[in-house]
PDB file of N, CA and C in Angstrom:
ATOM      1  N   UNK A   1      16.350  25.375  67.439  1.00  0.00           N
ATOM      2  CA  UNK A   1      15.257  25.428  66.898  1.00  0.00           C
ATOM      3  C   UNK A   1      13.751  24.937  66.961  1.00  0.00           C
ATOM      4  N   UNK A   2      12.757  26.026  66.810  1.00  0.00           N
ATOM      5  CA  UNK A   2      11.570  25.831  67.551  1.00  0.00           C
ATOM      6  C   UNK A   2      10.607  24.506  66.972  1.00  0.00           C
ATOM      7  N   UNK A   3       9.769  23.989  67.538  1.00  0.00           N
ATOM      8  CA  UNK A   3       9.011  23.153  67.254  1.00  0.00           C
ATOM      9  C   UNK A   3       8.291  23.833  65.931  1.00  0.00           C
ATOM     10  N   UNK A   4       7.023  23.070  65.397  1.00  0.00           N
ATOM     11  CA  UNK A   4       6.456  23.736  64.180  1.00  0.00           C
ATOM     12  C   UNK A   4       5.079  23.619  64.736  1.00  0.00           C
ATOM     13  N   UNK A   5       4.000  24.050  64.466  1.00  0.00           N
ATOM     14  CA  UNK A   5       2.946  24.657  64.685  1.00  0.00           C
ATOM     15  C   UNK A   5       2.022  23.236  65.189  1.00  0.00           C
ATOM     16  N   UNK A   6       2.106  22.782  63.940  1.00  0.00           N
ATOM     17  CA  UNK A   6       1.731  21.330  63.465  1.00  0.00           C
ATOM     18  C   UNK A   6       2.202  20.460  64.412  1.00  0.00           C
ATOM     19  N   UNK A   7       3.238  19.964  64.738  1.00  0.00           N
ATOM     20  CA  UNK A   7       3.816  19.102  65.707  1.00  0.00           C
ATOM     21  C   UNK A   7       3.197  19.738  67.323  1.00  0.00           C
ATOM     22  N   UNK A   8       3.120  20.938  67.741  1.00  0.00           N
ATOM     23  CA  UNK A   8       2.536  21.189  68.627  1.00  0.00           C
ATOM     24  C   UNK A   8       0.566  20.417  69.118  1.00  0.00           C
ATOM     25  N   UNK A   9       0.364  20.727  68.044  1.00  0.00           N
ATOM     26  CA  UNK A   9      -0.954  20.423  68.013  1.00  0.00           C
ATOM     27  C   UNK A   9      -1.342  19.502  68.183  1.00  0.00           C
ATOM     28  N   UNK A  10      -0.330  18.310  67.416  1.00  0.00           N
ATOM     29  CA  UNK A  10      -0.605  17.168  67.564  1.00  0.00           C
ATOM     30  C   UNK A  10      -0.246  15.946  68.741  1.00  0.00           C
ATOM     31  N   UNK A  11       1.146  16.923  69.459  1.00  0.00           N
ATOM     32  CA  UNK A  11       0.944  16.178  71.023  1.00  0.00           C
ATOM     33  C   UNK A  11       0.128  16.795  72.035  1.00  0.00           C
ATOM     34  N   UNK A  12      -1.050  18.085  71.448  1.00  0.00           N
ATOM     35  CA  UNK A  12      -1.598  18.359  72.506  1.00  0.00           C
ATOM     36  C   UNK A  12      -2.712  17.122  71.835  1.00  0.00           C
ATOM     37  N   UNK A  13      -3.539  16.877  70.589  1.00  0.00           N
ATOM     38  CA  UNK A  13      -4.359  15.479  70.510  1.00  0.00           C
ATOM     39  C   UNK A  13      -3.957  14.470  71.386  1.00  0.00           C
ATOM     40  N   UNK A  14      -2.447  13.970  71.214  1.00  0.00           N
ATOM     41  CA  UNK A  14      -2.557  12.825  72.038  1.00  0.00           C
ATOM     42  C   UNK A  14      -2.128  12.742  73.026  1.00  0.00           C
ATOM     43  N   UNK A  15      -1.772  13.727  74.220  1.00  0.00           N
ATOM     44  CA  UNK A  15      -1.444  13.791  75.328  1.00  0.00           C
ATOM     45  C   UNK A  15      -2.548  14.731  76.222  1.00  0.00           C
ATOM     46  N   UNK A  16      -3.658  15.720  75.570  1.00  0.00           N
ATOM     47  CA  UNK A  16      -4.276  16.166  76.339  1.00  0.00           C
ATOM     48  C   UNK A  16      -5.747  15.794  75.786  1.00  0.00           C
ATOM     49  N   UNK A  17      -6.174  16.084  74.859  1.00  0.00           N
ATOM     50  CA  UNK A  17      -7.347  15.973  74.383  1.00  0.00           C
ATOM     51  C   UNK A  17      -7.894  14.071  74.361  1.00  0.00           C
ATOM     52  N   UNK A  18      -7.081  13.609  74.117  1.00  0.00           N
ATOM     53  CA  UNK A  18      -7.057  11.718  73.958  1.00  0.00           C
ATOM     54  C   UNK A  18      -6.843  11.420  75.044  1.00  0.00           C
ATOM     55  N   UNK A  19      -6.963  11.823  76.307  1.00  0.00           N
ATOM     56  CA  UNK A  19      -6.996  11.184  77.459  1.00  0.00           C
ATOM     57  C   UNK A  19      -8.113  11.497  78.030  1.00  0.00           C
ATOM     58  N   UNK A  20      -8.138   9.686  78.961  1.00  0.00           N
ATOM     59  CA  UNK A  20      -9.238   9.361  79.917  1.00  0.00           C
ATOM     60  C   UNK A  20      -9.291  10.279  81.139  1.00  0.00           C
ATOM     61  N   UNK A  21      -8.458  11.303  81.565  1.00  0.00           N
ATOM     62  CA  UNK A  21      -8.720  11.801  82.326  1.00  0.00           C
ATOM     63  C   UNK A  21      -8.691  13.099  82.042  1.00  0.00           C
ATOM     64  N   UNK A  22      -8.823  13.336  80.868  1.00  0.00           N
ATOM     65  CA  UNK A  22      -9.431  14.900  80.159  1.00  0.00           C
ATOM     66  C   UNK A  22     -11.134  14.933  79.906  1.00  0.00           C
ATOM     67  N   UNK A  23     -10.670  14.244  78.775  1.00  0.00           N
ATOM     68  CA  UNK A  23     -11.877  14.059  77.369  1.00  0.00           C
ATOM     69  C   UNK A  23     -12.222  13.001  77.096  1.00  0.00           C
ATOM     70  N   UNK A  24     -11.492  12.078  76.919  1.00  0.00           N
ATOM     71  CA  UNK A  24     -12.075  10.704  76.227  1.00  0.00           C
ATOM     72  C   UNK A  24     -12.669   9.546  77.434  1.00  0.00           C
ATOM     73  N   UNK A  25     -12.938   8.789  76.800  1.00  0.00           N
ATOM     74  CA  UNK A  25     -12.931   7.587  77.055  1.00  0.00           C
ATOM     75  C   UNK A  25     -12.692   6.323  76.233  1.00  0.00           C
ATOM     76  N   UNK A  26     -12.654   5.372  76.938  1.00  0.00           N
ATOM     77  CA  UNK A  26     -12.141   3.902  76.167  1.00  0.00           C
ATOM     78  C   UNK A  26     -13.636   3.116  75.772  1.00  0.00           C
ATOM     79  N   UNK A  27     -13.262   2.763  74.495  1.00  0.00           N
ATOM     80  CA  UNK A  27     -14.269   2.143  73.892  1.00  0.00           C
ATOM     81  C   UNK A  27     -13.867   0.733  73.359  1.00  0.00           C
ATOM     82  N   UNK A  28     -14.785  -0.247  72.815  1.00  0.00           N
ATOM     83  CA  UNK A  28     -14.220  -1.325  72.051  1.00  0.00           C
ATOM     84  C   UNK A  28     -14.690  -1.554  70.743  1.00  0.00           C
ATOM     85  N   UNK A  29     -13.699  -1.625  70.217  1.00  0.00           N
ATOM     86  CA  UNK A  29     -13.758  -1.288  68.611  1.00  0.00           C
ATOM     87  C   UNK A  29     -13.764  -3.253  68.306  1.00  0.00           C
ATOM     88  N   UNK A  30     -14.555  -3.396  67.270  1.00  0.00           N
ATOM     89  CA  UNK A  30     -14.525  -4.885  66.833  1.00  0.00           C
ATOM     90  C   UNK A  30     -13.903  -4.864  65.202  1.00  0.00           C
ATOM     91  N   UNK A  31     -12.792  -5.766  64.704  1.00  0.00           N
ATOM     92  CA  UNK A  31     -13.085  -5.417  63.432  1.00  0.00           C
ATOM     93  C   UNK A  31     -13.602  -6.355  62.573  1.00  0.00           C
ATOM     94  N   UNK A  32     -14.028  -5.474  61.269  1.00  0.00           N
ATOM     95  CA  UNK A  32     -14.816  -6.744  60.541  1.00  0.00           C
ATOM     96  C   UNK A  32     -14.348  -7.943  60.367  1.00  0.00           C
ATOM     97  N   UNK A  33     -15.044  -8.859  59.673  1.00  0.00           N
ATOM     98  CA  UNK A  33     -14.670 -10.406  59.254  1.00  0.00           C
ATOM     99  C   UNK A  33     -13.909 -11.211  60.499  1.00  0.00           C
ATOM    100  N   UNK A  34     -12.985 -10.826  61.016  1.00  0.00           N
ATOM    101  CA  UNK A  34     -12.232 -11.635  62.003  1.00  0.00           C
ATOM    102  C   UNK A  34     -12.913 -11.171  63.663  1.00  0.00           C
ATOM    103  N   UNK A  35     -13.281 -10.371  63.724  1.00  0.00           N
ATOM    104  CA  UNK A  35     -14.058  -9.846  64.889  1.00  0.00           C
ATOM    105  C   UNK A  35     -13.536  -9.782  66.182  1.00  0.00           C
ATOM    106  N   UNK A  36     -12.008  -9.645  65.900  1.00  0.00           N
ATOM    107  CA  UNK A  36     -11.335  -9.638  66.958  1.00  0.00           C
ATOM    108  C   UNK A  36     -11.530  -8.262  67.486  1.00  0.00           C
ATOM    109  N   UNK A  37     -11.466  -8.187  69.124  1.00  0.00           N
ATOM    110  CA  UNK A  37     -11.770  -6.545  69.627  1.00  0.00           C
ATOM    111  C   UNK A  37     -10.554  -6.089  70.113  1.00  0.00           C
ATOM    112  N   UNK A  38     -10.837  -4.859  69.968  1.00  0.00           N
ATOM    113  CA  UNK A  38      -9.434  -3.997  70.549  1.00  0.00           C
ATOM    114  C   UNK A  38     -10.022  -2.724  71.423  1.00  0.00           C
ATOM    115  N   UNK A  39      -9.325  -2.351  72.170  1.00  0.00           N
ATOM    116  CA  UNK A  39      -9.423  -0.880  73.242  1.00  0.00           C
ATOM    117  C   UNK A  39      -9.071   0.241  72.230  1.00  0.00           C
ATOM    118  N   UNK A  40      -9.771   1.066  72.301  1.00  0.00           N
ATOM    119  CA  UNK A  40      -9.554   2.341  71.315  1.00  0.00           C
ATOM    120  C   UNK A  40     -10.311   3.614  72.431  1.00  0.00           C
ATOM    121  N   UNK A  41      -9.243   4.819  72.479  1.00  0.00           N
ATOM    122  CA  UNK A  41      -9.347   5.987  73.228  1.00  0.00           C
ATOM    123  C   UNK A  41      -9.880   6.705  72.378  1.00  0.00           C
ATOM    124  N   UNK A  42     -11.334   7.538  72.503  1.00  0.00           N
ATOM    125  CA  UNK A  42     -11.521   8.222  71.673  1.00  0.00           C
ATOM    126  C   UNK A  42     -12.548   9.670  72.390  1.00  0.00           C
ATOM    127  N   UNK A  43     -13.022  10.383  71.770  1.00  0.00           N
ATOM    128  CA  UNK A  43     -13.871  11.551  72.032  1.00  0.00           C
ATOM    129  C   UNK A  43     -15.234  10.987  71.401  1.00  0.00           C
ATOM    130  N   UNK A  44     -16.137  10.973  72.053  1.00  0.00           N
ATOM    131  CA  UNK A  44     -17.764  10.602  71.532  1.00  0.00           C
ATOM    132  C   UNK A  44     -18.548  11.789  71.304  1.00  0.00           C
ATOM    133  N   UNK A  45     -19.194  12.206  70.549  1.00  0.00           N
ATOM    134  CA  UNK A  45     -20.147  13.239  70.119  1.00  0.00           C
ATOM    135  C   UNK A  45     -21.191  12.667  69.521  1.00  0.00           C
ATOM    136  N   UNK A  46     -22.874  12.570  70.439  1.00  0.00           N
ATOM    137  CA  UNK A  46     -23.337  12.040  69.644  1.00  0.00           C
ATOM    138  C   UNK A  46     -24.550  13.312  68.932  1.00  0.00           C
ATOM    139  N   UNK A  47     -24.886  13.019  67.805  1.00  0.00           N
ATOM    140  CA  UNK A  47     -26.058  13.835  67.387  1.00  0.00           C
ATOM    141  C   UNK A  47     -27.239  13.562  67.917  1.00  0.00           C
ATOM    142  N   UNK A  48     -27.472  14.662  68.228  1.00  0.00           N
ATOM    143  CA  UNK A  48     -29.350  14.286  69.346  1.00  0.00           C
ATOM    144  C   UNK A  48     -30.111  14.037  68.609  1.00  0.00           C
ATOM    145  N   UNK A  49     -30.098  14.382  67.231  1.00  0.00           N
ATOM    146  CA  UNK A  49     -31.405  14.155  66.176  1.00  0.00           C
ATOM    147  C   UNK A  49     -30.916  13.456  65.309  1.00  0.00           C
ATOM    148  N   UNK A  50     -31.928  12.219  65.442  1.00  0.00           N
ATOM    149  CA  UNK A  50     -32.153  11.161  64.355  1.00  0.00           C
ATOM    150  C   UNK A  50     -32.709  11.604  63.118  1.00  0.00           C
ATOM    151  N   UNK A  51     -31.899  10.865  61.930  1.00  0.00           N
ATOM    152  CA  UNK A  51     -32.599  10.772  60.530  1.00  0.00           C
ATOM    153  C   UNK A  51     -33.109  10.047  60.369  1.00  0.00           C
ATOM    154  N   UNK A  52     -34.470  10.115  59.253  1.00  0.00           N
ATOM    155  CA  UNK A  52     -35.176   9.204  58.959  1.00  0.00           C
ATOM    156  C   UNK A  52     -34.813   8.179  57.515  1.00  0.00           C
ATOM    157  N   UNK A  53     -34.598   7.566  57.649  1.00  0.00           N
ATOM    158  CA  UNK A  53     -34.238   6.689  56.584  1.00  0.00           C
ATOM    159  C   UNK A  53     -35.056   5.878  55.622  1.00  0.00           C
ATOM    160  N   UNK A  54     -36.147   6.586  54.772  1.00  0.00           N
ATOM    161  CA  UNK A  54     -37.511   6.271  54.143  1.00  0.00           C
ATOM    162  C   UNK A  54     -36.669   4.824  53.426  1.00  0.00           C
ATOM    163  N   UNK A  55     -35.836   4.843  52.600  1.00  0.00           N
ATOM    164  CA  UNK A  55     -35.448   3.738  51.724  1.00  0.00           C
ATOM    165  C   UNK A  55     -35.380   2.418  52.681  1.00  0.00           C
ATOM    166  N   UNK A  56     -35.184   2.395  54.033  1.00  0.00           N
ATOM    167  CA  UNK A  56     -35.037   1.352  54.465  1.00  0.00           C
ATOM    168  C   UNK A  56     -36.352   0.737  55.310  1.00  0.00           C
ATOM    169  N   UNK A  57     -37.704   1.208  55.040  1.00  0.00           N
ATOM    170  CA  UNK A  57     -38.565   1.135  55.895  1.00  0.00           C
ATOM    171  C   UNK A  57     -38.793   1.971  57.552  1.00  0.00           C
ATOM    172  N   UNK A  58     -38.294   3.218  57.255  1.00  0.00           N
ATOM    173  CA  UNK A  58     -38.963   4.272  58.053  1.00  0.00           C
ATOM    174  C   UNK A  58     -38.063   4.048  59.347  1.00  0.00           C
ATOM    175  N   UNK A  59     -36.968   3.667  58.994  1.00  0.00           N
ATOM    176  CA  UNK A  59     -35.932   3.722  60.442  1.00  0.00           C
ATOM    177  C   UNK A  59     -35.040   4.809  60.887  1.00  0.00           C
ATOM    178  N   UNK A  60     -35.118   5.126  61.987  1.00  0.00           N
ATOM    179  CA  UNK A  60     -34.130   6.176  62.480  1.00  0.00           C
ATOM    180  C   UNK A  60     -33.047   5.543  62.513  1.00  0.00           C
ATOM    181  N   UNK A  61     -32.220   6.314  61.972  1.00  0.00           N
ATOM    182  CA  UNK A  61     -30.840   6.504  62.110  1.00  0.00           C
ATOM    183  C   UNK A  61     -30.021   7.518  63.181  1.00  0.00           C
ATOM    184  N   UNK A  62     -29.259   6.718  64.136  1.00  0.00           N
ATOM    185  CA  UNK A  62     -28.333   7.630  64.958  1.00  0.00           C
ATOM    186  C   UNK A  62     -27.321   8.012  64.212  1.00  0.00           C
ATOM    187  N   UNK A  63     -26.557   9.254  64.685  1.00  0.00           N
ATOM    188  CA  UNK A  63     -25.325   8.891  64.475  1.00  0.00           C
ATOM    189  C   UNK A  63     -24.505  10.162  65.484  1.00  0.00           C
ATOM    190  N   UNK A  64     -23.197   9.827  64.932  1.00  0.00           N
ATOM    191  CA  UNK A  64     -22.616  10.413  65.767  1.00  0.00           C
ATOM    192  C   UNK A  64     -20.788  10.426  65.209  1.00  0.00           C
ATOM    193  N   UNK A  65     -19.978  11.276  66.052  1.00  0.00           N
ATOM    194  CA  UNK A  65     -18.950  11.199  65.692  1.00  0.00           C
ATOM    195  C   UNK A  65     -17.822  10.849  66.729  1.00  0.00           C
ATOM    196  N   UNK A  66     -16.766   9.985  66.639  1.00  0.00           N
ATOM    197  CA  UNK A  66     -15.549   9.372  67.467  1.00  0.00           C
ATOM    198  C   UNK A  66     -14.324   9.868  66.694  1.00  0.00           C
ATOM    199  N   UNK A  67     -13.765  10.906  67.845  1.00  0.00           N
ATOM    200  CA  UNK A  67     -12.469  11.136  67.407  1.00  0.00           C
ATOM    201  C   UNK A  67     -11.120  10.238  67.874  1.00  0.00           C
ATOM    202  N   UNK A  68     -10.600   9.906  67.451  1.00  0.00           N
ATOM    203  CA  UNK A  68      -9.327   9.045  67.572  1.00  0.00           C
ATOM    204  C   UNK A  68      -7.618   9.551  67.233  1.00  0.00           C
ATOM    205  N   UNK A  69      -7.153   8.879  67.883  1.00  0.00           N
ATOM    206  CA  UNK A  69      -5.577   9.138  67.424  1.00  0.00           C
ATOM    207  C   UNK A  69      -5.513   8.557  65.753  1.00  0.00           C
ATOM    208  N   UNK A  70      -4.696   9.363  65.063  1.00  0.00           N
ATOM    209  CA  UNK A  70      -4.508   8.624  63.776  1.00  0.00           C
ATOM    210  C   UNK A  70      -3.733   7.496  63.518  1.00  0.00           C
ATOM    211  N   UNK A  71      -3.457   7.260  64.518  1.00  0.00           N
ATOM    212  CA  UNK A  71      -2.553   5.863  63.891  1.00  0.00           C
ATOM    213  C   UNK A  71      -3.218   5.053  64.295  1.00  0.00           C
ATOM    214  N   UNK A  72      -4.404   4.872  64.980  1.00  0.00           N
ATOM    215  CA  UNK A  72      -5.592   3.669  65.238  1.00  0.00           C
ATOM    216  C   UNK A  72      -5.446   2.945  64.006  1.00  0.00           C
ATOM    217  N   UNK A  73      -6.072   1.771  63.923  1.00  0.00           N
ATOM    218  CA  UNK A  73      -6.033   1.194  62.684  1.00  0.00           C
ATOM    219  C   UNK A  73      -7.607   0.660  62.827  1.00  0.00           C
ATOM    220  N   UNK A  74      -8.350   1.283  62.018  1.00  0.00           N
ATOM    221  CA  UNK A  74      -9.767   1.110  61.968  1.00  0.00           C
ATOM    222  C   UNK A  74      -9.985   0.748  60.617  1.00  0.00           C
ATOM    223  N   UNK A  75     -11.042   0.530  60.353  1.00  0.00           N
ATOM    224  CA  UNK A  75     -11.885   0.162  58.985  1.00  0.00           C
ATOM    225  C   UNK A  75     -13.297   0.679  58.704  1.00  0.00           C
ATOM    226  N   UNK A  76     -14.044   1.011  57.418  1.00  0.00           N
ATOM    227  CA  UNK A  76     -15.140   1.179  57.765  1.00  0.00           C
ATOM    228  C   UNK A  76     -16.377   0.306  57.853  1.00  0.00           C
ATOM    229  N   UNK A  77     -15.836  -1.137  57.794  1.00  0.00           N
ATOM    230  CA  UNK A  77     -16.737  -1.886  58.382  1.00  0.00           C
ATOM    231  C   UNK A  77     -16.876  -2.617  59.641  1.00  0.00           C
ATOM    232  N   UNK A  78     -15.766  -1.910  60.441  1.00  0.00           N
ATOM    233  CA  UNK A  78     -15.802  -2.609  61.702  1.00  0.00           C
ATOM    234  C   UNK A  78     -16.856  -1.430  62.732  1.00  0.00           C
ATOM    235  N   UNK A  79     -16.565  -1.559  64.234  1.00  0.00           N
ATOM    236  CA  UNK A  79     -17.920  -1.211  64.935  1.00  0.00           C
ATOM    237  C   UNK A  79     -17.502  -1.226  66.080  1.00  0.00           C
ATOM    238  N   UNK A  80     -18.293  -0.214  66.779  1.00  0.00           N
ATOM    239  CA  UNK A  80     -17.430   0.381  68.174  1.00  0.00           C
ATOM    240  C   UNK A  80     -19.115  -0.229  69.107  1.00  0.00           C
ATOM    241  N   UNK A  81     -18.731  -0.529  70.511  1.00  0.00           N
ATOM    242  CA  UNK A  81     -19.811  -0.649  71.748  1.00  0.00           C
ATOM    243  C   UNK A  81     -19.377   0.741  72.178  1.00  0.00           C
ATOM    244  N   UNK A  82     -20.301   1.431  72.419  1.00  0.00           N
ATOM    245  CA  UNK A  82     -20.746   2.924  73.063  1.00  0.00           C
ATOM    246  C   UNK A  82     -21.987   2.341  73.791  1.00  0.00           C
ATOM    247  N   UNK A  83     -21.900   2.843  75.475  1.00  0.00           N
ATOM    248  CA  UNK A  83     -23.141   2.910  76.013  1.00  0.00           C
ATOM    249  C   UNK A  83     -23.280   1.612  75.507  1.00  0.00           C
ATOM    250  N   UNK A  84     -22.785   0.116  75.603  1.00  0.00           N
ATOM    251  CA  UNK A  84     -23.564  -1.122  75.299  1.00  0.00           C
ATOM    252  C   UNK A  84     -24.350  -1.125  74.495  1.00  0.00           C
ATOM    253  N   UNK A  85     -24.313  -0.136  73.198  1.00  0.00           N
ATOM    254  CA  UNK A  85     -24.850  -0.529  72.095  1.00  0.00           C
ATOM    255  C   UNK A  85     -24.083  -0.281  71.274  1.00  0.00           C
ATOM    256  N   UNK A  86     -24.079  -0.979  69.398  1.00  0.00           N
ATOM    257  CA  UNK A  86     -23.117  -1.230  68.517  1.00  0.00           C
ATOM    258  C   UNK A  86     -23.654  -0.127  67.777  1.00  0.00           C
ATOM    259  N   UNK A  87     -22.401   0.150  67.232  1.00  0.00           N
ATOM    260  CA  UNK A  87     -22.589   1.625  66.415  1.00  0.00           C
ATOM    261  C   UNK A  87     -21.188   0.900  65.259  1.00  0.00           C
ATOM    262  N   UNK A  88     -22.239   1.214  64.417  1.00  0.00           N
ATOM    263  CA  UNK A  88     -20.930   0.928  63.103  1.00  0.00           C
ATOM    264  C   UNK A  88     -20.578   2.079  62.510  1.00  0.00           C
ATOM    265  N   UNK A  89     -19.074   1.845  61.801  1.00  0.00           N
ATOM    266  CA  UNK A  89     -18.302   2.839  61.276  1.00  0.00           C
ATOM    267  C   UNK A  89     -18.873   3.501  59.865  1.00  0.00           C
ATOM    268  N   UNK A  90     -19.155   4.236  59.318  1.00  0.00           N
ATOM    269  CA  UNK A  90     -20.008   4.835  58.575  1.00  0.00           C
ATOM    270  C   UNK A  90     -19.009   5.257  57.265  1.00  0.00           C
ATOM    271  N   UNK A  91     -18.017   6.079  58.026  1.00  0.00           N
ATOM    272  CA  UNK A  91     -16.993   6.930  56.975  1.00  0.00           C
ATOM    273  C   UNK A  91     -15.472   6.896  58.182  1.00  0.00           C
ATOM    274  N   UNK A  92     -14.800   6.316  57.852  1.00  0.00           N
ATOM    275  CA  UNK A  92     -13.714   6.983  58.224  1.00  0.00           C
ATOM    276  C   UNK A  92     -12.705   8.736  57.432  1.00  0.00           C
ATOM    277  N   UNK A  93     -12.924   9.409  58.464  1.00  0.00           N
ATOM    278  CA  UNK A  93     -12.471  10.687  57.613  1.00  0.00           C
ATOM    279  C   UNK A  93     -10.983  11.091  57.684  1.00  0.00           C
ATOM    280  N   UNK A  94     -10.645  11.977  56.856  1.00  0.00           N
ATOM    281  CA  UNK A  94      -8.990  12.530  56.837  1.00  0.00           C
ATOM    282  C   UNK A  94      -8.288  12.537  58.361  1.00  0.00           C
ATOM    283  N   UNK A  95      -6.724  12.423  58.252  1.00  0.00           N
ATOM    284  CA  UNK A  95      -6.504  12.312  59.483  1.00  0.00           C
ATOM    285  C   UNK A  95      -5.942  14.153  59.380  1.00  0.00           C
ATOM    286  N   UNK A  96      -6.286  14.573  60.523  1.00  0.00           N
ATOM    287  CA  UNK A  96      -5.983  15.971  60.802  1.00  0.00           C
ATOM    288  C   UNK A  96      -5.398  16.308  61.762  1.00  0.00           C
ATOM    289  N   UNK A  97      -3.987  16.804  61.959  1.00  0.00           N
ATOM    290  CA  UNK A  97      -2.851  16.943  63.397  1.00  0.00           C
ATOM    291  C   UNK A  97      -3.429  15.629  64.146  1.00  0.00           C
ATOM    292  N   UNK A  98      -3.168  14.863  63.848  1.00  0.00           N
ATOM    293  CA  UNK A  98      -2.937  13.542  65.303  1.00  0.00           C
ATOM    294  C   UNK A  98      -4.148  13.156  65.007  1.00  0.00           C
ATOM    295  N   UNK A  99      -5.232  13.523  64.381  1.00  0.00           N
ATOM    296  CA  UNK A  99      -6.391  12.845  64.913  1.00  0.00           C
ATOM    297  C   UNK A  99      -7.485  12.489  63.615  1.00  0.00           C
ATOM    298  N   UNK A 100      -8.416  11.677  63.809  1.00  0.00           N
ATOM    299  CA  UNK A 100      -9.246  11.009  62.787  1.00  0.00           C
ATOM    300  C   UNK A 100     -10.395  10.971  63.304  1.00  0.00           C
ATOM    301  N   UNK A 101     -11.483  11.316  62.273  1.00  0.00           N
ATOM    302  CA  UNK A 101     -12.978  11.424  62.432  1.00  0.00           C
ATOM    303  C   UNK A 101     -13.485  10.393  62.008  1.00  0.00           C
ATOM    304  N   UNK A 102     -14.083   9.559  62.976  1.00  0.00           N
ATOM    305  CA  UNK A 102     -14.901   8.658  62.316  1.00  0.00           C
ATOM    306  C   UNK A 102     -16.280   9.123  62.384  1.00  0.00           C
ATOM    307  N   UNK A 103     -17.488   8.560  61.573  1.00  0.00           N
ATOM    308  CA  UNK A 103     -18.659   8.826  61.535  1.00  0.00           C
ATOM    309  C   UNK A 103     -19.398   7.450  61.813  1.00  0.00           C
ATOM    310  N   UNK A 104     -20.300   7.528  62.830  1.00  0.00           N
ATOM    311  CA  UNK A 104     -20.781   6.077  63.608  1.00  0.00           C
ATOM    312  C   UNK A 104     -22.399   6.102  63.202  1.00  0.00           C
ATOM    313  N   UNK A 105     -22.672   5.196  63.030  1.00  0.00           N
ATOM    314  CA  UNK A 105     -24.291   5.061  62.865  1.00  0.00           C
ATOM    315  C   UNK A 105     -24.843   3.272  63.891  1.00  0.00           C
ATOM    316  N   UNK A 106     -26.383   4.235  63.990  1.00  0.00           N
ATOM    317  CA  UNK A 106     -27.069   3.002  64.833  1.00  0.00           C
ATOM    318  C   UNK A 106     -28.260   3.053  64.450  1.00  0.00           C
ATOM    319  N   UNK A 107     -28.790   1.935  63.772  1.00  0.00           N
ATOM    320  CA  UNK A 107     -30.603   2.016  63.116  1.00  0.00           C
ATOM    321  C   UNK A 107     -31.231   1.297  64.221  1.00  0.00           C
ATOM    322  N   UNK A 108     -32.283   2.120  63.852  1.00  0.00           N
ATOM    323  CA  UNK A 108     -33.413   1.570  64.779  1.00  0.00           C
ATOM    324  C   UNK A 108     -34.925   1.404  64.510  1.00  0.00           C
ATOM    325  N   UNK A 109     -35.409   0.844  64.235  1.00  0.00           N
ATOM    326  CA  UNK A 109     -36.884   0.133  63.515  1.00  0.00           C
ATOM    327  C   UNK A 109     -37.606   1.310  64.357  1.00  0.00           C
ATOM    328  N   UNK A 110     -38.080   2.081  63.249  1.00  0.00           N
ATOM    329  CA  UNK A 110     -39.962   2.748  64.015  1.00  0.00           C
ATOM    330  C   UNK A 110     -41.020   2.831  62.557  1.00  0.00           C
ATOM    331  N   UNK A 111     -42.042   2.057  63.508  1.00  0.00           N
ATOM    332  CA  UNK A 111     -43.080   1.905  62.528  1.00  0.00           C
ATOM    333  C   UNK A 111     -43.469   2.943  62.144  1.00  0.00           C
ATOM    334  N   UNK A 112     -43.523   4.237  63.187  1.00  0.00           N
ATOM    335  CA  UNK A 112     -44.051   5.256  62.330  1.00  0.00           C
ATOM    336  C   UNK A 112     -43.142   6.305  62.097  1.00  0.00           C
ATOM    337  N   UNK A 113     -41.663   5.719  61.937  1.00  0.00           N
ATOM    338  CA  UNK A 113     -40.830   6.479  61.318  1.00  0.00           C
ATOM    339  C   UNK A 113     -40.667   8.289  61.788  1.00  0.00           C
ATOM    340  N   UNK A 114     -41.386   8.234  63.233  1.00  0.00           N
ATOM    341  CA  UNK A 114     -41.132   9.382  63.930  1.00  0.00           C
ATOM    342  C   UNK A 114     -39.932   9.956  65.231  1.00  0.00           C
ATOM    343  N   UNK A 115     -39.277   8.657  65.046  1.00  0.00           N
ATOM    344  CA  UNK A 115     -38.314   8.843  66.298  1.00  0.00           C
ATOM    345  C   UNK A 115     -38.690   8.792  67.500  1.00  0.00           C
ATOM    346  N   UNK A 116     -39.750   8.087  67.523  1.00  0.00           N
ATOM    347  CA  UNK A 116     -40.576   7.901  68.793  1.00  0.00           C
ATOM    348  C   UNK A 116     -40.165   6.797  69.776  1.00  0.00           C
ATOM    349  N   UNK A 117     -39.715   6.037  69.418  1.00  0.00           N
ATOM    350  CA  UNK A 117     -38.960   4.791  69.707  1.00  0.00           C
ATOM    351  C   UNK A 117     -37.278   5.057  70.236  1.00  0.00           C
ATOM    352  N   UNK A 118     -36.869   6.567  70.239  1.00  0.00           N
ATOM    353  CA  UNK A 118     -35.817   6.973  70.285  1.00  0.00           C
ATOM    354  C   UNK A 118     -35.677   7.645  72.000  1.00  0.00           C
ATOM    355  N   UNK A 119     -34.372   6.430  73.030  1.00  0.00           N
ATOM    356  CA  UNK A 119     -34.266   7.101  74.439  1.00  0.00           C
ATOM    357  C   UNK A 119     -33.391   8.126  74.375  1.00  0.00           C
TER     358      UNK A 119
END
């Protein structure tokens, strides 16, 4: 009996896409409240354009998506260290074909609110 397409896609996610030899990197996840850290493999895609949060004093908000395996235990209040910067989990997306998409944010205060301090 042949394997289902969805099973093959899940295998590709874990065996190809989420391997550090191919597209993924290893990131440090910090659990909320306990501060326990763990290594999680994922694919990081930062959004190149910051958005401005006017309600919080013209803060520049950087966003990005981190795709991880669906069996990883992460929560919305946790954070990741990416390139020596702390990124906070804004949302944990639905599980789809063996992966889960996390939306991460990082805020940088800008007195002008125009992204001038973003590197």
